[in-house]
């Protein structure tokens, strides 16, 4: 689970996630899941860009 900070990746158990999402309406839950997917994609993109930059630096050596 991600909370909008690129340097933090919070791991929750299934029970903890259920407590967080239990009181949400279906609309709120869809928005929550959509935002989690968006943050996950952003992190993956950042990771890939970092790797490409690292490879470019190695190529320049």
PDB file of N, CA and C in Angstrom:
ATOM      1  N   UNK A   1       0.842  -1.165   0.000  1.00  0.00           N
ATOM      2  CA  UNK A   1       0.000   0.000   0.000  1.00  0.00           C
ATOM      3  C   UNK A   1       0.891   1.232   0.000  1.00  0.00           C
ATOM      4  N   UNK A   2       0.557   2.179  -0.810  1.00  0.00           N
ATOM      5  CA  UNK A   2       1.348   3.386  -0.937  1.00  0.00           C
ATOM      6  C   UNK A   2       0.513   4.570  -0.506  1.00  0.00           C
ATOM      7  N   UNK A   3       1.159   5.549   0.084  1.00  0.00           N
ATOM      8  CA  UNK A   3       0.435   6.705   0.581  1.00  0.00           C
ATOM      9  C   UNK A   3       0.950   8.007  -0.009  1.00  0.00           C
ATOM     10  N   UNK A   4       1.377   7.982  -1.260  1.00  0.00           N
ATOM     11  CA  UNK A   4       1.742   9.211  -1.941  1.00  0.00           C
ATOM     12  C   UNK A   4       3.170   9.669  -1.735  1.00  0.00           C
ATOM     13  N   UNK A   5       3.942   8.965  -0.962  1.00  0.00           N
ATOM     14  CA  UNK A   5       5.350   9.307  -0.781  1.00  0.00           C
ATOM     15  C   UNK A   5       6.175   8.277  -1.519  1.00  0.00           C
ATOM     16  N   UNK A   6       7.013   8.757  -2.394  1.00  0.00           N
ATOM     17  CA  UNK A   6       7.786   7.831  -3.226  1.00  0.00           C
ATOM     18  C   UNK A   6       8.805   7.040  -2.420  1.00  0.00           C
ATOM     19  N   UNK A   7       9.180   7.533  -1.247  1.00  0.00           N
ATOM     20  CA  UNK A   7      10.190   6.842  -0.455  1.00  0.00           C
ATOM     21  C   UNK A   7       9.577   5.897   0.581  1.00  0.00           C
ATOM     22  N   UNK A   8       8.258   5.790   0.605  1.00  0.00           N
ATOM     23  CA  UNK A   8       7.609   4.931   1.587  1.00  0.00           C
ATOM     24  C   UNK A   8       6.727   3.897   0.904  1.00  0.00           C
ATOM     25  N   UNK A   9       6.879   2.680   1.285  1.00  0.00           N
ATOM     26  CA  UNK A   9       6.036   1.585   0.825  1.00  0.00           C
ATOM     27  C   UNK A   9       5.560   0.889   2.083  1.00  0.00           C
ATOM     28  N   UNK A  10       4.316   1.101   2.446  1.00  0.00           N
ATOM     29  CA  UNK A  10       3.783   0.575   3.695  1.00  0.00           C
ATOM     30  C   UNK A  10       3.159  -0.784   3.429  1.00  0.00           C
ATOM     31  N   UNK A  11       3.592  -1.755   4.174  1.00  0.00           N
ATOM     32  CA  UNK A  11       3.052  -3.110   4.040  1.00  0.00           C
ATOM     33  C   UNK A  11       2.011  -3.330   5.126  1.00  0.00           C
ATOM     34  N   UNK A  12       0.809  -3.728   4.706  1.00  0.00           N
ATOM     35  CA  UNK A  12      -0.258  -4.034   5.647  1.00  0.00           C
ATOM     36  C   UNK A  12      -0.650  -5.492   5.495  1.00  0.00           C
ATOM     37  N   UNK A  13      -1.025  -6.079   6.619  1.00  0.00           N
ATOM     38  CA  UNK A  13      -1.569  -7.431   6.544  1.00  0.00           C
ATOM     39  C   UNK A  13      -2.967  -7.340   5.941  1.00  0.00           C
ATOM     40  N   UNK A  14      -3.510  -8.467   5.548  1.00  0.00           N
ATOM     41  CA  UNK A  14      -4.876  -8.485   5.012  1.00  0.00           C
ATOM     42  C   UNK A  14      -5.867  -7.941   6.025  1.00  0.00           C
ATOM     43  N   UNK A  15      -5.664  -8.271   7.278  1.00  0.00           N
ATOM     44  CA  UNK A  15      -6.558  -7.797   8.343  1.00  0.00           C
ATOM     45  C   UNK A  15      -6.480  -6.277   8.493  1.00  0.00           C
ATOM     46  N   UNK A  16      -5.277  -5.731   8.453  1.00  0.00           N
ATOM     47  CA  UNK A  16      -5.112  -4.282   8.558  1.00  0.00           C
ATOM     48  C   UNK A  16      -5.743  -3.574   7.362  1.00  0.00           C
ATOM     49  N   UNK A  17      -5.557  -4.111   6.166  1.00  0.00           N
ATOM     50  CA  UNK A  17      -6.162  -3.519   4.976  1.00  0.00           C
ATOM     51  C   UNK A  17      -7.682  -3.558   5.073  1.00  0.00           C
ATOM     52  N   UNK A  18      -8.205  -4.647   5.585  1.00  0.00           N
ATOM     53  CA  UNK A  18      -9.654  -4.770   5.750  1.00  0.00           C
ATOM     54  C   UNK A  18     -10.170  -3.699   6.708  1.00  0.00           C
ATOM     55  N   UNK A  19      -9.424  -3.431   7.789  1.00  0.00           N
ATOM     56  CA  UNK A  19      -9.826  -2.390   8.739  1.00  0.00           C
ATOM     57  C   UNK A  19      -9.817  -1.013   8.076  1.00  0.00           C
ATOM     58  N   UNK A  20      -8.830  -0.760   7.231  1.00  0.00           N
ATOM     59  CA  UNK A  20      -8.717   0.538   6.552  1.00  0.00           C
ATOM     60  C   UNK A  20      -9.857   0.733   5.561  1.00  0.00           C
ATOM     61  N   UNK A  21     -10.199  -0.305   4.834  1.00  0.00           N
ATOM     62  CA  UNK A  21     -11.169  -0.171   3.745  1.00  0.00           C
ATOM     63  C   UNK A  21     -12.591  -0.565   4.134  1.00  0.00           C
ATOM     64  N   UNK A  22     -12.773  -1.110   5.311  1.00  0.00           N
ATOM     65  CA  UNK A  22     -14.079  -1.634   5.715  1.00  0.00           C
ATOM     66  C   UNK A  22     -15.160  -0.563   5.724  1.00  0.00           C
ATOM     67  N   UNK A  23     -14.865   0.630   6.166  1.00  0.00           N
ATOM     68  CA  UNK A  23     -15.871   1.678   6.272  1.00  0.00           C
ATOM     69  C   UNK A  23     -16.078   2.477   4.998  1.00  0.00           C
ATOM     70  N   UNK A  24     -15.387   2.121   3.942  1.00  0.00           N
ATOM     71  CA  UNK A  24     -15.484   2.879   2.695  1.00  0.00           C
ATOM     72  C   UNK A  24     -16.699   2.450   1.887  1.00  0.00           C
ATOM     73  N   UNK A  25     -17.280   3.434   1.216  1.00  0.00           N
ATOM     74  CA  UNK A  25     -18.350   3.104   0.273  1.00  0.00           C
ATOM     75  C   UNK A  25     -17.711   2.474  -0.960  1.00  0.00           C
ATOM     76  N   UNK A  26     -18.544   1.921  -1.832  1.00  0.00           N
ATOM     77  CA  UNK A  26     -18.007   1.302  -3.054  1.00  0.00           C
ATOM     78  C   UNK A  26     -17.265   2.334  -3.898  1.00  0.00           C
ATOM     79  N   UNK A  27     -17.795   3.544  -3.961  1.00  0.00           N
ATOM     80  CA  UNK A  27     -17.151   4.607  -4.738  1.00  0.00           C
ATOM     81  C   UNK A  27     -15.800   4.980  -4.129  1.00  0.00           C
ATOM     82  N   UNK A  28     -15.762   5.117  -2.799  1.00  0.00           N
ATOM     83  CA  UNK A  28     -14.501   5.431  -2.125  1.00  0.00           C
ATOM     84  C   UNK A  28     -13.491   4.309  -2.316  1.00  0.00           C
ATOM     85  N   UNK A  29     -13.951   3.073  -2.266  1.00  0.00           N
ATOM     86  CA  UNK A  29     -13.052   1.923  -2.433  1.00  0.00           C
ATOM     87  C   UNK A  29     -12.479   1.875  -3.844  1.00  0.00           C
ATOM     88  N   UNK A  30     -13.311   2.142  -4.852  1.00  0.00           N
ATOM     89  CA  UNK A  30     -12.817   2.176  -6.238  1.00  0.00           C
ATOM     90  C   UNK A  30     -11.766   3.265  -6.393  1.00  0.00           C
ATOM     91  N   UNK A  31     -12.025   4.435  -5.813  1.00  0.00           N
ATOM     92  CA  UNK A  31     -11.069   5.544  -5.884  1.00  0.00           C
ATOM     93  C   UNK A  31      -9.775   5.179  -5.156  1.00  0.00           C
ATOM     94  N   UNK A  32      -9.895   4.537  -3.998  1.00  0.00           N
ATOM     95  CA  UNK A  32      -8.737   4.100  -3.226  1.00  0.00           C
ATOM     96  C   UNK A  32      -7.895   3.113  -4.034  1.00  0.00           C
ATOM     97  N   UNK A  33      -8.548   2.109  -4.623  1.00  0.00           N
ATOM     98  CA  UNK A  33      -7.844   1.110  -5.425  1.00  0.00           C
ATOM     99  C   UNK A  33      -7.214   1.744  -6.659  1.00  0.00           C
ATOM    100  N   UNK A  34      -7.927   2.676  -7.300  1.00  0.00           N
ATOM    101  CA  UNK A  34      -7.392   3.371  -8.474  1.00  0.00           C
ATOM    102  C   UNK A  34      -6.140   4.154  -8.100  1.00  0.00           C
ATOM    103  N   UNK A  35      -6.190   4.844  -6.974  1.00  0.00           N
ATOM    104  CA  UNK A  35      -5.028   5.640  -6.528  1.00  0.00           C
ATOM    105  C   UNK A  35      -3.850   4.734  -6.185  1.00  0.00           C
ATOM    106  N   UNK A  36      -4.123   3.584  -5.566  1.00  0.00           N
ATOM    107  CA  UNK A  36      -3.046   2.646  -5.249  1.00  0.00           C
ATOM    108  C   UNK A  36      -2.380   2.144  -6.526  1.00  0.00           C
ATOM    109  N   UNK A  37      -3.181   1.817  -7.528  1.00  0.00           N
ATOM    110  CA  UNK A  37      -2.627   1.368  -8.811  1.00  0.00           C
ATOM    111  C   UNK A  37      -1.798   2.469  -9.462  1.00  0.00           C
ATOM    112  N   UNK A  38      -2.298   3.699  -9.396  1.00  0.00           N
ATOM    113  CA  UNK A  38      -1.573   4.835  -9.972  1.00  0.00           C
ATOM    114  C   UNK A  38      -0.222   5.039  -9.281  1.00  0.00           C
ATOM    115  N   UNK A  39      -0.217   5.001  -7.956  1.00  0.00           N
ATOM    116  CA  UNK A  39       1.035   5.167  -7.209  1.00  0.00           C
ATOM    117  C   UNK A  39       2.005   4.020  -7.490  1.00  0.00           C
ATOM    118  N   UNK A  40       1.468   2.810  -7.630  1.00  0.00           N
ATOM    119  CA  UNK A  40       2.315   1.643  -7.922  1.00  0.00           C
ATOM    120  C   UNK A  40       2.978   1.796  -9.290  1.00  0.00           C
ATOM    121  N   UNK A  41       2.208   2.274 -10.289  1.00  0.00           N
ATOM    122  CA  UNK A  41       2.761   2.498 -11.634  1.00  0.00           C
ATOM    123  C   UNK A  41       3.835   3.581 -11.605  1.00  0.00           C
ATOM    124  N   UNK A  42       3.589   4.662 -10.849  1.00  0.00           N
ATOM    125  CA  UNK A  42       4.583   5.728 -10.747  1.00  0.00           C
ATOM    126  C   UNK A  42       5.882   5.212 -10.143  1.00  0.00           C
ATOM    127  N   UNK A  43       5.776   4.400  -9.108  1.00  0.00           N
ATOM    128  CA  UNK A  43       6.982   3.835  -8.491  1.00  0.00           C
ATOM    129  C   UNK A  43       7.741   2.946  -9.456  1.00  0.00           C
ATOM    130  N   UNK A  44       7.001   2.140 -10.208  1.00  0.00           N
ATOM    131  CA  UNK A  44       7.641   1.255 -11.176  1.00  0.00           C
ATOM    132  C   UNK A  44       8.338   2.075 -12.262  1.00  0.00           C
ATOM    133  N   UNK A  45       7.699   3.129 -12.742  1.00  0.00           N
ATOM    134  CA  UNK A  45       8.304   4.002 -13.749  1.00  0.00           C
ATOM    135  C   UNK A  45       9.574   4.643 -13.197  1.00  0.00           C
ATOM    136  N   UNK A  46       9.514   5.129 -11.959  1.00  0.00           N
ATOM    137  CA  UNK A  46      10.697   5.734 -11.336  1.00  0.00           C
ATOM    138  C   UNK A  46      11.831   4.728 -11.228  1.00  0.00           C
ATOM    139  N   UNK A  47      11.490   3.501 -10.856  1.00  0.00           N
ATOM    140  CA  UNK A  47      12.503   2.449 -10.714  1.00  0.00           C
ATOM    141  C   UNK A  47      13.161   2.157 -12.064  1.00  0.00           C
ATOM    142  N   UNK A  48      12.343   2.074 -13.121  1.00  0.00           N
ATOM    143  CA  UNK A  48      12.879   1.796 -14.461  1.00  0.00           C
ATOM    144  C   UNK A  48      13.738   2.950 -14.965  1.00  0.00           C
ATOM    145  N   UNK A  49      13.285   4.187 -14.742  1.00  0.00           N
ATOM    146  CA  UNK A  49      14.079   5.341 -15.164  1.00  0.00           C
ATOM    147  C   UNK A  49      15.410   5.395 -14.421  1.00  0.00           C
ATOM    148  N   UNK A  50      15.378   5.083 -13.136  1.00  0.00           N
ATOM    149  CA  UNK A  50      16.615   5.048 -12.359  1.00  0.00           C
ATOM    150  C   UNK A  50      17.577   4.006 -12.895  1.00  0.00           C
ATOM    151  N   UNK A  51      17.057   2.852 -13.258  1.00  0.00           N
ATOM    152  CA  UNK A  51      17.894   1.791 -13.802  1.00  0.00           C
ATOM    153  C   UNK A  51      18.498   2.203 -15.139  1.00  0.00           C
ATOM    154  N   UNK A  52      17.685   2.851 -15.994  1.00  0.00           N
ATOM    155  CA  UNK A  52      18.199   3.305 -17.292  1.00  0.00           C
ATOM    156  C   UNK A  52      19.299   4.357 -17.122  1.00  0.00           C
ATOM    157  N   UNK A  53      19.100   5.276 -16.181  1.00  0.00           N
ATOM    158  CA  UNK A  53      20.129   6.280 -15.912  1.00  0.00           C
ATOM    159  C   UNK A  53      21.414   5.621 -15.420  1.00  0.00           C
ATOM    160  N   UNK A  54      21.270   4.614 -14.564  1.00  0.00           N
ATOM    161  CA  UNK A  54      22.422   3.888 -14.053  1.00  0.00           C
ATOM    162  C   UNK A  54      23.177   3.197 -15.195  1.00  0.00           C
ATOM    163  N   UNK A  55      22.427   2.560 -16.093  1.00  0.00           N
ATOM    164  CA  UNK A  55      23.065   1.899 -17.232  1.00  0.00           C
ATOM    165  C   UNK A  55      23.771   2.910 -18.134  1.00  0.00           C
ATOM    166  N   UNK A  56      23.166   4.072 -18.325  1.00  0.00           N
ATOM    167  CA  UNK A  56      23.808   5.122 -19.141  1.00  0.00           C
ATOM    168  C   UNK A  56      25.118   5.563 -18.502  1.00  0.00           C
ATOM    169  N   UNK A  57      25.130   5.698 -17.180  1.00  0.00           N
ATOM    170  CA  UNK A  57      26.358   6.086 -16.491  1.00  0.00           C
ATOM    171  C   UNK A  57      27.422   5.013 -16.661  1.00  0.00           C
ATOM    172  N   UNK A  58      27.032   3.749 -16.595  1.00  0.00           N
ATOM    173  CA  UNK A  58      27.991   2.662 -16.776  1.00  0.00           C
ATOM    174  C   UNK A  58      28.553   2.676 -18.201  1.00  0.00           C
ATOM    175  N   UNK A  59      27.696   2.969 -19.183  1.00  0.00           N
ATOM    176  CA  UNK A  59      28.136   3.028 -20.573  1.00  0.00           C
ATOM    177  C   UNK A  59      29.137   4.155 -20.797  1.00  0.00           C
ATOM    178  N   UNK A  60      29.007   5.237 -20.035  1.00  0.00           N
ATOM    179  CA  UNK A  60      29.894   6.393 -20.187  1.00  0.00           C
ATOM    180  C   UNK A  60      31.269   6.160 -19.580  1.00  0.00           C
ATOM    181  N   UNK A  61      31.405   5.129 -18.761  1.00  0.00           N
ATOM    182  CA  UNK A  61      32.696   4.877 -18.112  1.00  0.00           C
ATOM    183  C   UNK A  61      33.691   4.286 -19.068  1.00  0.00           C
TER     184      UNK A  61
END
